[in-house]
C-alpha cells in the first residue's frame, strides 16, 4: 500500500475543530499540527522521489498551471502580509490553504486505476468511521460536551463542538453514491456500505446543526435524483429519498426526546429548522427572536462591518494573509478578532481582493468546464459520468454554500478533499484517453 494514500486517509480521519485542542508540535510561539506534519512529509517524499526517480515523465496534469499559479499567488501574499503584520499571524492564516500543495504528490501516488479505487475505498471507509465517531461522542459523552461548552461559554450546539473533516468529501461523492446505489448493479456488501454512508452522514449533519450544510445536501440530492436516466423512476427515487430522510429525522428526534438530558440538543435542532421560516424577523427589533435569528444577524453585522472598514478600502489586492476582522453584534459592539468571515467570498476579498477572487472564479470555471466535457463525451464510461456529475453538483453546492460559510475556502481538510476531487477528474480524463485509443485501435483493425 502506498504510504501517501494511507497518510491522505489519516488526514481525513483526524478530528478537527476550531474549538477543541489539536495535536500539535510547539515551535516557540508557533506550532505545527499533526495534519500539517503529514502534509509536509508527503510533499517531501514526493520531492525526493521526483528528484531521484528515473521513471519517464508523465503528461502534464490538466490543472497543473492553475495550481502552480495559485501557489505562486500565495507566496506573493505571504510576503505582502509579512510587510504589514507579524509572521505568526501570516503563517497561521496561510496554513489553512497549504494542503493545495498535495495536488502533485497525490497525482504521483495515484499511478494506476487500482490505486485510485483503493484510495476511494479508504475514503468511503473514513466517511463511515468519522460519522460513527461523531454520533458516539454526541450520544454517549453529552455531559462532557455540556461542561466544555459551559466552560467556553459557547452554547451546546453541534457545529460549536465539531467541524466535520468529511463534509466536502461527502458532498463530492454524494451524487456518485446515490447514482450507484439506485441505478447501478452492485453486490450486497457495497450496497450496505453506500447506504451506511448516506444514512450516517445525514444523521451527522443533523447533529452538527449547520444550516448551510443542510441546504447543500438538499441541492445535491435534488440534482442527483432528477438526473438519473430513466424518467419513469425519478419519482420513485425522489419518494424513497424524501421518506428515508423523514424517517431518519423522526428517528433522531425520538431518540433524543427519550432522554431528558438531551432536551437542549432537541431545542437547538428545532430552532435551526424554525429559523428558515423566521427570516422575515431579521432586523426587526420588536419581533420575538430565536438564538438562530440572533446568530444570523450577528453574521450579517460582522460582514457589513468588514465590508465597510476592510474590504472596500482594499478592494483590489486585499490585505493578504494574517488579515483579521472583529465579530460585530447588531448593536455595533466589536468582539473576537477572526481570520475569516462567515461568507467565503467576503473572506476571499478580505485576503486577496478582487484580484484573488478573479483567479478563484477562473479556477472554478476551469473545473466546471472540464466536468461538462466529461459528462457529454461519448467515450466516457457510465461510472465516470456519475463521478463527474457528482463533482459538478458538489461545485454547485459549494458555490451556494460559500455565501454562508468560509469552510470551503480556508479549512485544511476541506482543501485536501478538494485536491482529491481534482485528482479524480484527472483520472477520468485518462480513462477517456484509454477508451479513445482502444476505439481507434479497433477501427484500425
Protein backbone atom coordinates (compact mmCIF):
# COMPACT_ATOMS: atom_id res chain seq x y z
CA UNK A 1 0.00 0.00 0.00
CA UNK A 2 1.31 3.44 -0.97
CA UNK A 3 2.25 5.47 2.12
CA UNK A 4 0.93 8.71 0.55
CA UNK A 5 -2.56 7.22 0.16
CA UNK A 6 -2.50 5.97 3.76
CA UNK A 7 -1.49 9.41 5.06
CA UNK A 8 -4.18 11.12 2.98
CA UNK A 9 -6.78 8.84 4.57
CA UNK A 10 -5.35 9.54 8.04
CA UNK A 11 -5.53 13.29 7.43
CA UNK A 12 -9.24 12.94 6.73
CA UNK A 13 -9.72 10.79 9.86
CA UNK A 14 -8.02 13.09 12.36
CA UNK A 15 -10.71 15.02 14.28
CA UNK A 16 -10.52 18.73 13.55
CA UNK A 17 -12.14 21.67 15.31
CA UNK A 18 -11.56 25.36 15.87
CA UNK A 19 -12.66 24.91 19.50
CA UNK A 20 -11.20 21.59 20.61
CA UNK A 21 -7.43 21.26 21.17
CA UNK A 22 -5.45 19.96 18.20
CA UNK A 23 -2.49 17.56 18.27
CA UNK A 24 0.44 19.86 17.60
CA UNK A 25 4.20 20.23 17.97
CA UNK A 26 5.11 23.56 19.63
CA UNK A 27 7.88 25.58 17.97
CA UNK A 28 8.42 28.63 20.14
CA UNK A 29 5.36 30.84 19.73
CA UNK A 30 4.29 28.82 16.69
CA UNK A 31 3.08 25.22 16.38
CA UNK A 32 2.73 22.59 13.68
CA UNK A 33 -0.30 20.32 13.80
CA UNK A 34 -0.25 16.60 13.08
CA UNK A 35 -2.14 17.22 9.84
CA UNK A 36 0.49 19.75 8.75
CA UNK A 37 3.33 17.36 9.64
CA UNK A 38 1.72 14.74 7.40
CA UNK A 39 1.30 17.23 4.55
CA UNK A 40 4.94 18.31 4.83
CA UNK A 41 6.11 14.68 4.91
CA UNK A 42 4.01 13.76 1.83
CA UNK A 43 5.39 16.76 -0.08
CA UNK A 44 8.96 15.95 0.99
CA UNK A 45 8.56 12.29 0.00
CA UNK A 46 7.24 13.30 -3.44
CA UNK A 47 10.13 15.75 -3.88
CA UNK A 48 12.70 13.05 -3.12
CA UNK A 49 11.01 10.59 -5.48
CA UNK A 50 10.82 13.19 -8.26
CA UNK A 51 14.48 14.13 -7.71
CA UNK A 52 15.99 10.64 -7.71
CA UNK A 53 13.49 8.65 -9.78
CA UNK A 54 14.49 7.58 -13.28
CA UNK A 55 10.88 6.95 -14.33
CA UNK A 56 9.74 8.72 -17.51
CA UNK A 57 7.90 11.99 -17.11
CA UNK A 58 4.13 11.82 -17.36
CA UNK A 59 1.89 14.09 -19.38
CA UNK A 60 1.34 17.47 -17.75
CA UNK A 61 -1.74 17.31 -15.50
CA UNK A 62 -4.91 19.14 -16.52
CA UNK A 63 -4.97 21.58 -13.62
CA UNK A 64 -1.21 21.97 -13.09
CA UNK A 65 -0.99 25.53 -14.49
CA UNK A 66 -3.84 26.71 -12.30
CA UNK A 67 -2.48 25.08 -9.14
CA UNK A 68 1.01 26.48 -9.74
CA UNK A 69 -0.42 29.94 -10.43
CA UNK A 70 -2.44 29.93 -7.20
CA UNK A 71 0.54 28.67 -5.18
CA UNK A 72 2.65 31.49 -6.64
CA UNK A 73 -0.06 33.96 -5.63
CA UNK A 74 0.04 32.51 -2.11
CA UNK A 75 3.80 33.12 -1.93
CA UNK A 76 3.31 36.73 -3.07
CA UNK A 77 0.58 37.30 -0.50
CA UNK A 78 2.72 35.76 2.26
CA UNK A 79 5.43 38.35 1.60
CA UNK A 80 2.77 41.05 1.21
CA UNK A 81 1.34 40.10 4.60
CA UNK A 82 4.76 39.98 6.30
CA UNK A 83 5.31 43.66 5.49
CA UNK A 84 2.12 44.58 7.34
CA UNK A 85 1.80 42.18 10.31
CA UNK A 86 3.70 39.61 12.37
CA UNK A 87 4.95 36.35 10.87
CA UNK A 88 2.99 34.12 13.27
CA UNK A 89 -0.33 35.62 12.16
CA UNK A 90 0.57 35.43 8.47
CA UNK A 91 1.79 31.81 8.58
CA UNK A 92 -1.05 30.83 10.90
CA UNK A 93 -3.51 32.10 8.31
CA UNK A 94 -1.70 30.55 5.33
CA UNK A 95 -1.66 27.12 6.97
CA UNK A 96 -5.37 26.70 6.16
CA UNK A 97 -4.63 26.97 2.42
CA UNK A 98 -1.42 24.90 2.49
CA UNK A 99 -2.93 21.49 1.51
CA UNK A 100 -3.21 22.66 -2.11
CA UNK A 101 0.46 21.60 -2.45
CA UNK A 102 -0.74 17.97 -2.17
CA UNK A 103 -2.04 18.07 -5.75
CA UNK A 104 1.22 16.92 -7.35
CA UNK A 105 2.24 14.34 -4.69
CA UNK A 106 -1.22 12.74 -4.75
CA UNK A 107 -1.28 12.55 -8.56
CA UNK A 108 2.14 10.91 -8.42
CA UNK A 109 0.87 8.38 -5.86
CA UNK A 110 -2.18 7.50 -7.99
CA UNK A 111 -0.09 5.63 -10.54
CA UNK A 112 -2.78 3.28 -11.79
CA UNK A 113 -6.50 2.60 -11.68
CA UNK A 114 -6.12 0.18 -8.77
CA UNK A 115 -4.54 2.93 -6.63
CA UNK A 116 -7.44 5.28 -7.44
CA UNK A 117 -10.01 2.66 -6.42
CA UNK A 118 -8.09 1.84 -3.22
CA UNK A 119 -7.98 5.50 -2.24
CA UNK A 120 -11.71 5.90 -2.93
CA UNK A 121 -12.45 2.81 -0.86
CA UNK A 122 -10.37 4.13 2.05
CA UNK A 123 -12.12 7.49 1.83
CA UNK A 124 -15.57 5.86 1.91
CA UNK A 125 -14.45 3.85 4.94
CA UNK A 126 -13.23 7.10 6.53
CA UNK A 127 -16.66 8.70 5.98
CA UNK A 128 -18.27 5.88 7.97
CA UNK A 129 -15.65 5.99 10.74
CA UNK A 130 -15.98 9.76 11.17
CA UNK A 131 -19.77 9.57 11.22
CA UNK A 132 -19.74 6.82 13.87
CA UNK A 133 -17.17 8.78 15.89
CA UNK A 134 -19.31 11.93 15.95
CA UNK A 135 -22.53 10.03 16.70
CA UNK A 136 -20.94 8.09 19.58
CA UNK A 137 -19.37 11.23 21.05
CA UNK A 138 -22.66 13.12 20.79
CA UNK A 139 -24.88 10.41 22.29
CA UNK A 140 -22.60 8.96 24.98
CA UNK A 141 -20.38 11.86 26.06
CA UNK A 142 -23.07 14.51 26.34
CA UNK A 143 -22.15 15.62 29.88
CA UNK A 144 -18.52 16.24 28.91
CA UNK A 145 -19.62 18.30 25.90
CA UNK A 146 -22.03 20.33 28.00
CA UNK A 147 -19.28 21.02 30.56
CA UNK A 148 -16.85 22.03 27.81
CA UNK A 149 -19.43 24.30 26.19
CA UNK A 150 -20.28 25.93 29.51
CA UNK A 151 -16.62 26.48 30.32
CA UNK A 152 -16.01 28.11 26.94
CA UNK A 153 -19.34 29.97 27.02
CA UNK A 154 -20.08 28.76 23.50
CA UNK A 155 -23.50 27.14 23.89
CA UNK A 156 -24.29 23.48 23.25
CA UNK A 157 -24.73 23.22 19.50
CA UNK A 158 -23.24 20.76 17.07
CA UNK A 159 -21.07 22.99 14.92
CA UNK A 160 -19.57 24.61 18.03
CA UNK A 161 -18.17 21.23 19.04
CA UNK A 162 -17.42 19.51 15.71
CA UNK A 163 -16.07 20.80 12.45
CA UNK A 164 -16.54 17.70 10.33
CA UNK A 165 -13.48 16.83 8.29
CA UNK A 166 -15.50 14.76 5.89
CA UNK A 167 -18.08 17.38 4.88
CA UNK A 168 -16.70 18.30 1.43
CA UNK A 169 -15.62 14.71 0.82
CA UNK A 170 -19.22 13.63 1.48
CA UNK A 171 -20.57 16.35 -0.82
CA UNK A 172 -18.11 15.42 -3.58
CA UNK A 173 -19.09 11.75 -3.65
CA UNK A 174 -22.76 12.01 -2.60
CA UNK A 175 -24.08 12.22 -6.17
CA UNK A 176 -21.96 9.23 -7.22
CA UNK A 177 -23.07 7.16 -4.23
CA UNK A 178 -26.75 7.97 -4.87
CA UNK A 179 -26.50 7.11 -8.59
CA UNK A 180 -24.58 3.89 -7.96
CA UNK A 181 -26.92 2.86 -5.13
CA UNK A 182 -30.17 3.37 -7.07
CA UNK A 183 -29.16 2.81 -10.68
CA UNK A 184 -26.03 0.69 -10.72
CA UNK A 185 -25.57 -3.08 -10.40
CA UNK A 186 -23.59 -3.90 -7.25
CA UNK A 187 -23.03 -6.57 -4.65
CA UNK A 188 -24.83 -6.67 -1.33
CA UNK A 189 -21.83 -5.52 0.73
CA UNK A 190 -21.19 -2.47 -1.44
CA UNK A 191 -24.87 -1.53 -1.30
CA UNK A 192 -24.80 -1.76 2.51
CA UNK A 193 -21.68 0.44 2.64
CA UNK A 194 -23.27 3.09 0.41
CA UNK A 195 -26.48 3.06 2.44
CA UNK A 196 -24.44 3.41 5.65
CA UNK A 197 -22.59 6.43 4.23
CA UNK A 198 -25.84 8.21 3.27
CA UNK A 199 -27.72 7.32 6.47
CA UNK A 200 -24.93 8.07 8.96
CA UNK A 201 -23.77 11.23 7.19
CA UNK A 202 -27.28 12.74 7.15
CA UNK A 203 -27.59 11.89 10.85
CA UNK A 204 -24.27 13.66 11.47
CA UNK A 205 -25.44 16.71 9.52
CA UNK A 206 -28.44 16.93 11.84
CA UNK A 207 -26.19 16.65 14.90
CA UNK A 208 -23.86 19.34 13.59
CA UNK A 209 -26.82 21.71 13.09
CA UNK A 210 -25.17 23.70 10.29
CA UNK A 211 -27.96 25.10 8.13
CA UNK A 212 -25.74 25.77 5.12
CA UNK A 213 -24.76 22.08 5.04
CA UNK A 214 -28.44 21.09 5.11
CA UNK A 215 -29.11 23.35 2.12
CA UNK A 216 -26.10 21.98 0.22
CA UNK A 217 -27.14 18.38 0.89
CA UNK A 218 -30.66 19.14 -0.38
CA UNK A 219 -29.22 20.70 -3.57
CA UNK A 220 -27.00 17.69 -4.29
CA UNK A 221 -29.75 15.14 -3.55
CA UNK A 222 -32.22 17.01 -5.76
CA UNK A 223 -29.78 17.20 -8.67
CA UNK A 224 -28.69 13.58 -8.18
CA UNK A 225 -32.17 12.07 -8.17
CA UNK A 226 -33.53 14.07 -11.08
CA UNK A 227 -30.52 13.47 -13.31
CA UNK A 228 -30.92 9.71 -13.27
CA UNK A 229 -31.54 8.48 -16.78
CA UNK A 230 -34.80 6.56 -16.57
CA UNK A 231 -37.52 9.22 -16.22
CA UNK A 232 -40.15 6.75 -15.04
CA UNK A 233 -38.07 6.01 -11.97
CA UNK A 234 -37.33 9.60 -10.99
CA UNK A 235 -40.45 9.96 -8.87
CA UNK A 236 -39.74 6.65 -7.17
CA UNK A 237 -36.18 7.66 -6.31
CA UNK A 238 -37.30 11.07 -5.06
CA UNK A 239 -40.07 9.48 -2.99
CA UNK A 240 -37.67 6.97 -1.44
CA UNK A 241 -35.19 9.75 -0.66
CA UNK A 242 -37.80 12.01 0.96
CA UNK A 243 -39.34 9.20 3.03
CA UNK A 244 -35.89 7.95 4.10
CA UNK A 245 -34.85 11.43 5.16
CA UNK A 246 -38.01 11.92 7.21
CA UNK A 247 -37.55 8.51 8.84
CA UNK A 248 -34.01 9.47 9.81
CA UNK A 249 -35.16 12.82 11.22
CA UNK A 250 -38.00 11.20 13.20
CA UNK A 251 -35.62 8.52 14.49
CA UNK A 252 -33.18 11.17 15.70
CA UNK A 253 -35.87 13.25 17.39
CA UNK A 254 -37.46 10.24 19.11
CA UNK A 255 -34.09 9.02 20.34
CA UNK A 256 -33.15 12.42 21.68
CA UNK A 257 -36.58 13.02 23.19
CA UNK A 258 -36.38 9.72 25.07
CA UNK A 259 -33.53 11.04 27.22
CA UNK A 260 -34.14 14.21 29.21
CA UNK A 261 -30.55 15.43 29.37
CA UNK A 262 -30.55 15.91 25.59
CA UNK A 263 -33.53 18.22 25.53
CA UNK A 264 -31.21 21.16 24.82
CA UNK A 265 -29.99 19.42 21.65
CA UNK A 266 -33.58 18.90 20.52
CA UNK A 267 -34.35 22.57 21.12
CA UNK A 268 -31.30 23.59 19.09
CA UNK A 269 -32.25 21.38 16.13
CA UNK A 270 -35.85 22.62 16.23
CA UNK A 271 -34.56 26.19 16.43
CA UNK A 272 -32.40 25.65 13.34
CA UNK A 273 -35.30 24.27 11.32
CA UNK A 274 -37.63 27.03 12.53
CA UNK A 275 -35.12 29.71 11.53
CA UNK A 276 -35.79 29.01 7.82
CA UNK A 277 -39.36 30.28 8.24
CA UNK A 278 -38.37 33.17 10.51
CA UNK A 279 -36.10 35.00 8.08
CA UNK A 280 -38.62 37.85 7.84
CA UNK A 281 -37.90 38.66 11.51
CA UNK A 282 -34.26 39.54 10.82
CA UNK A 283 -33.56 43.15 11.68
CA UNK A 284 -36.95 43.75 13.35
CA UNK A 285 -36.28 44.82 16.91
CA UNK A 286 -39.85 44.28 18.08
CA UNK A 287 -40.07 40.70 16.81
CA UNK A 288 -39.50 37.70 19.00
CA UNK A 289 -36.04 36.48 18.06
CA UNK A 290 -34.62 32.99 18.50
CA UNK A 291 -30.97 32.20 19.10
CA UNK A 292 -30.60 31.22 15.43
CA UNK A 293 -32.01 34.52 14.17
CA UNK A 294 -29.64 36.35 16.51
CA UNK A 295 -26.76 34.34 15.07
CA UNK A 296 -27.74 35.29 11.52
CA UNK A 297 -27.98 38.96 12.47
CA UNK A 298 -24.54 38.85 14.11
CA UNK A 299 -23.03 37.34 10.96
CA UNK A 300 -24.68 39.97 8.79
CA UNK A 301 -23.45 42.77 11.07
CA UNK A 302 -19.91 41.34 11.00
CA UNK A 303 -19.99 41.07 7.20
CA UNK A 304 -21.23 44.66 6.81
CA UNK A 305 -18.54 45.98 9.17
CA UNK A 306 -15.77 44.03 7.38
CA UNK A 307 -17.03 45.20 4.00
CA UNK A 308 -17.05 48.86 5.03
CA UNK A 309 -13.87 49.02 7.12
CA UNK A 310 -11.55 46.49 5.49
CA UNK A 311 -12.71 45.16 2.12
CA UNK A 312 -13.85 48.27 0.21
CA UNK A 313 -10.76 50.36 1.16
CA UNK A 314 -8.53 47.49 -0.06
CA UNK A 315 -10.81 46.17 -2.78
CA UNK A 316 -8.29 45.29 -5.48
CA UNK A 317 -5.43 43.39 -3.78
CA UNK A 318 -6.94 42.77 -0.34
CA UNK A 319 -4.97 42.75 2.92
CA UNK A 320 -3.05 39.49 2.46
CA UNK A 321 -2.54 36.59 4.84
CA UNK A 322 -2.98 37.38 8.52
CA UNK A 323 -5.75 39.93 7.95
CA UNK A 324 -8.45 39.76 10.62
CA UNK A 325 -11.84 41.31 11.21
CA UNK A 326 -13.78 41.60 14.50
CA UNK A 327 -17.09 39.91 15.17
CA UNK A 328 -19.77 42.60 15.46
CA UNK A 329 -23.21 42.26 17.03
CA UNK A 330 -26.37 44.05 15.95
CA UNK A 331 -25.60 46.94 18.34
CA UNK A 332 -22.18 47.55 16.78
CA UNK A 333 -20.14 46.13 19.67
CA UNK A 334 -16.90 44.56 18.47
CA UNK A 335 -15.60 41.29 19.90
CA UNK A 336 -13.23 38.47 19.00
CA UNK A 337 -10.94 39.03 16.01
CA UNK A 338 -11.31 36.33 13.34
CA UNK A 339 -9.27 35.34 10.28
CA UNK A 340 -12.43 34.64 8.29
CA UNK A 341 -15.96 35.90 7.76
CA UNK A 342 -18.95 33.55 7.58
CA UNK A 343 -19.03 34.17 3.86
CA UNK A 344 -16.40 32.59 1.66
CA UNK A 345 -16.45 35.32 -0.97
CA UNK A 346 -16.02 38.10 1.56
CA UNK A 347 -13.17 36.14 3.12
CA UNK A 348 -11.50 35.93 -0.31
CA UNK A 349 -12.00 39.66 -0.84
CA UNK A 350 -10.58 40.40 2.61
CA UNK A 351 -7.41 38.39 1.93
CA UNK A 352 -6.90 38.71 -1.82
CA UNK A 353 -9.29 41.38 -3.09
CA UNK A 354 -10.96 41.32 -6.50
CA UNK A 355 -7.61 40.21 -7.90
CA UNK A 356 -7.68 36.94 -5.95
CA UNK A 357 -11.42 36.44 -6.41
CA UNK A 358 -10.89 36.56 -10.19
CA UNK A 359 -8.41 33.65 -10.06
CA UNK A 360 -10.74 31.69 -7.78
CA UNK A 361 -13.57 32.17 -10.29
CA UNK A 362 -11.26 31.24 -13.18
CA UNK A 363 -10.19 28.01 -11.47
CA UNK A 364 -13.81 27.13 -10.64
CA UNK A 365 -14.86 27.73 -14.25
CA UNK A 366 -12.00 25.54 -15.49
CA UNK A 367 -13.11 22.67 -13.25
CA UNK A 368 -16.77 23.13 -14.22
CA UNK A 369 -15.98 23.20 -17.95
CA UNK A 370 -13.81 20.07 -17.60
CA UNK A 371 -16.69 18.24 -15.90
CA UNK A 372 -19.17 19.28 -18.59
CA UNK A 373 -16.80 17.99 -21.28
CA UNK A 374 -16.51 14.67 -19.46
CA UNK A 375 -20.28 14.30 -18.98
CA UNK A 376 -21.10 14.91 -22.65
CA UNK A 377 -18.17 12.96 -24.08
CA UNK A 378 -19.47 9.79 -25.81
CA UNK A 379 -16.34 7.92 -24.72
CA UNK A 380 -16.99 8.45 -21.01
CA UNK A 381 -17.99 5.32 -19.09
CA UNK A 382 -21.17 5.23 -17.01
CA UNK A 383 -19.42 5.29 -13.62
CA UNK A 384 -17.23 8.17 -14.75
CA UNK A 385 -20.36 10.10 -15.77
CA UNK A 386 -21.73 9.51 -12.27
CA UNK A 387 -18.46 10.72 -10.77
CA UNK A 388 -18.29 13.81 -13.00
CA UNK A 389 -21.91 14.72 -12.25
CA UNK A 390 -21.29 14.19 -8.54
CA UNK A 391 -18.31 16.55 -8.57
CA UNK A 392 -20.28 19.08 -10.60
CA UNK A 393 -23.14 19.01 -8.08
CA UNK A 394 -20.62 19.44 -5.25
CA UNK A 395 -19.17 22.51 -7.01
CA UNK A 396 -22.68 23.96 -7.45
CA UNK A 397 -23.46 23.31 -3.78
CA UNK A 398 -20.11 24.81 -2.73
CA UNK A 399 -20.80 27.96 -4.76
CA UNK A 400 -24.16 28.31 -2.98
CA UNK A 401 -22.88 27.31 0.47
CA UNK A 402 -19.93 29.70 0.36
CA UNK A 403 -22.37 32.59 0.80
CA UNK A 404 -22.90 31.30 4.36
CA UNK A 405 -19.56 29.77 5.36
CA UNK A 406 -15.88 30.08 4.53
CA UNK A 407 -15.04 26.46 5.39
CA UNK A 408 -14.65 25.53 1.70
CA UNK A 409 -12.29 28.47 1.12
CA UNK A 410 -9.94 28.09 4.09
CA UNK A 411 -10.14 24.83 6.02
CA UNK A 412 -7.30 22.35 5.74
CA UNK A 413 -9.10 19.04 5.35
CA UNK A 414 -11.75 20.52 3.05
CA UNK A 415 -8.95 21.62 0.74
CA UNK A 416 -7.43 18.13 0.97
CA UNK A 417 -10.81 16.76 -0.18
CA UNK A 418 -10.85 19.35 -2.97
CA UNK A 419 -7.41 18.15 -4.13
CA UNK A 420 -8.67 14.55 -4.11
CA UNK A 421 -11.54 15.62 -6.38
CA UNK A 422 -9.10 17.27 -8.81
CA UNK A 423 -7.04 14.07 -8.98
CA UNK A 424 -10.18 12.01 -9.61
CA UNK A 425 -11.03 14.30 -12.54
CA UNK A 426 -7.51 13.82 -13.90
CA UNK A 427 -8.01 10.06 -13.84
CA UNK A 428 -11.41 10.27 -15.51
CA UNK A 429 -9.71 12.08 -18.39
CA UNK A 430 -7.01 9.39 -18.51
CA UNK A 431 -9.68 6.70 -18.79
CA UNK A 432 -11.34 8.62 -21.63
CA UNK A 433 -7.96 8.77 -23.41
CA UNK A 434 -7.58 5.00 -22.96
CA UNK A 435 -11.10 4.45 -24.36
CA UNK A 436 -10.29 6.68 -27.33
CA UNK A 437 -7.08 4.76 -28.04
CA UNK A 438 -8.90 1.44 -27.77
CA UNK A 439 -11.63 2.63 -30.15
CA UNK A 440 -9.05 3.90 -32.66
CA UNK A 441 -7.22 0.58 -32.49
CA UNK A 442 -10.47 -1.30 -33.09
CA UNK A 443 -11.26 0.80 -36.18
CA UNK A 444 -7.71 0.34 -37.48
CA UNK A 445 -8.22 -3.41 -37.47
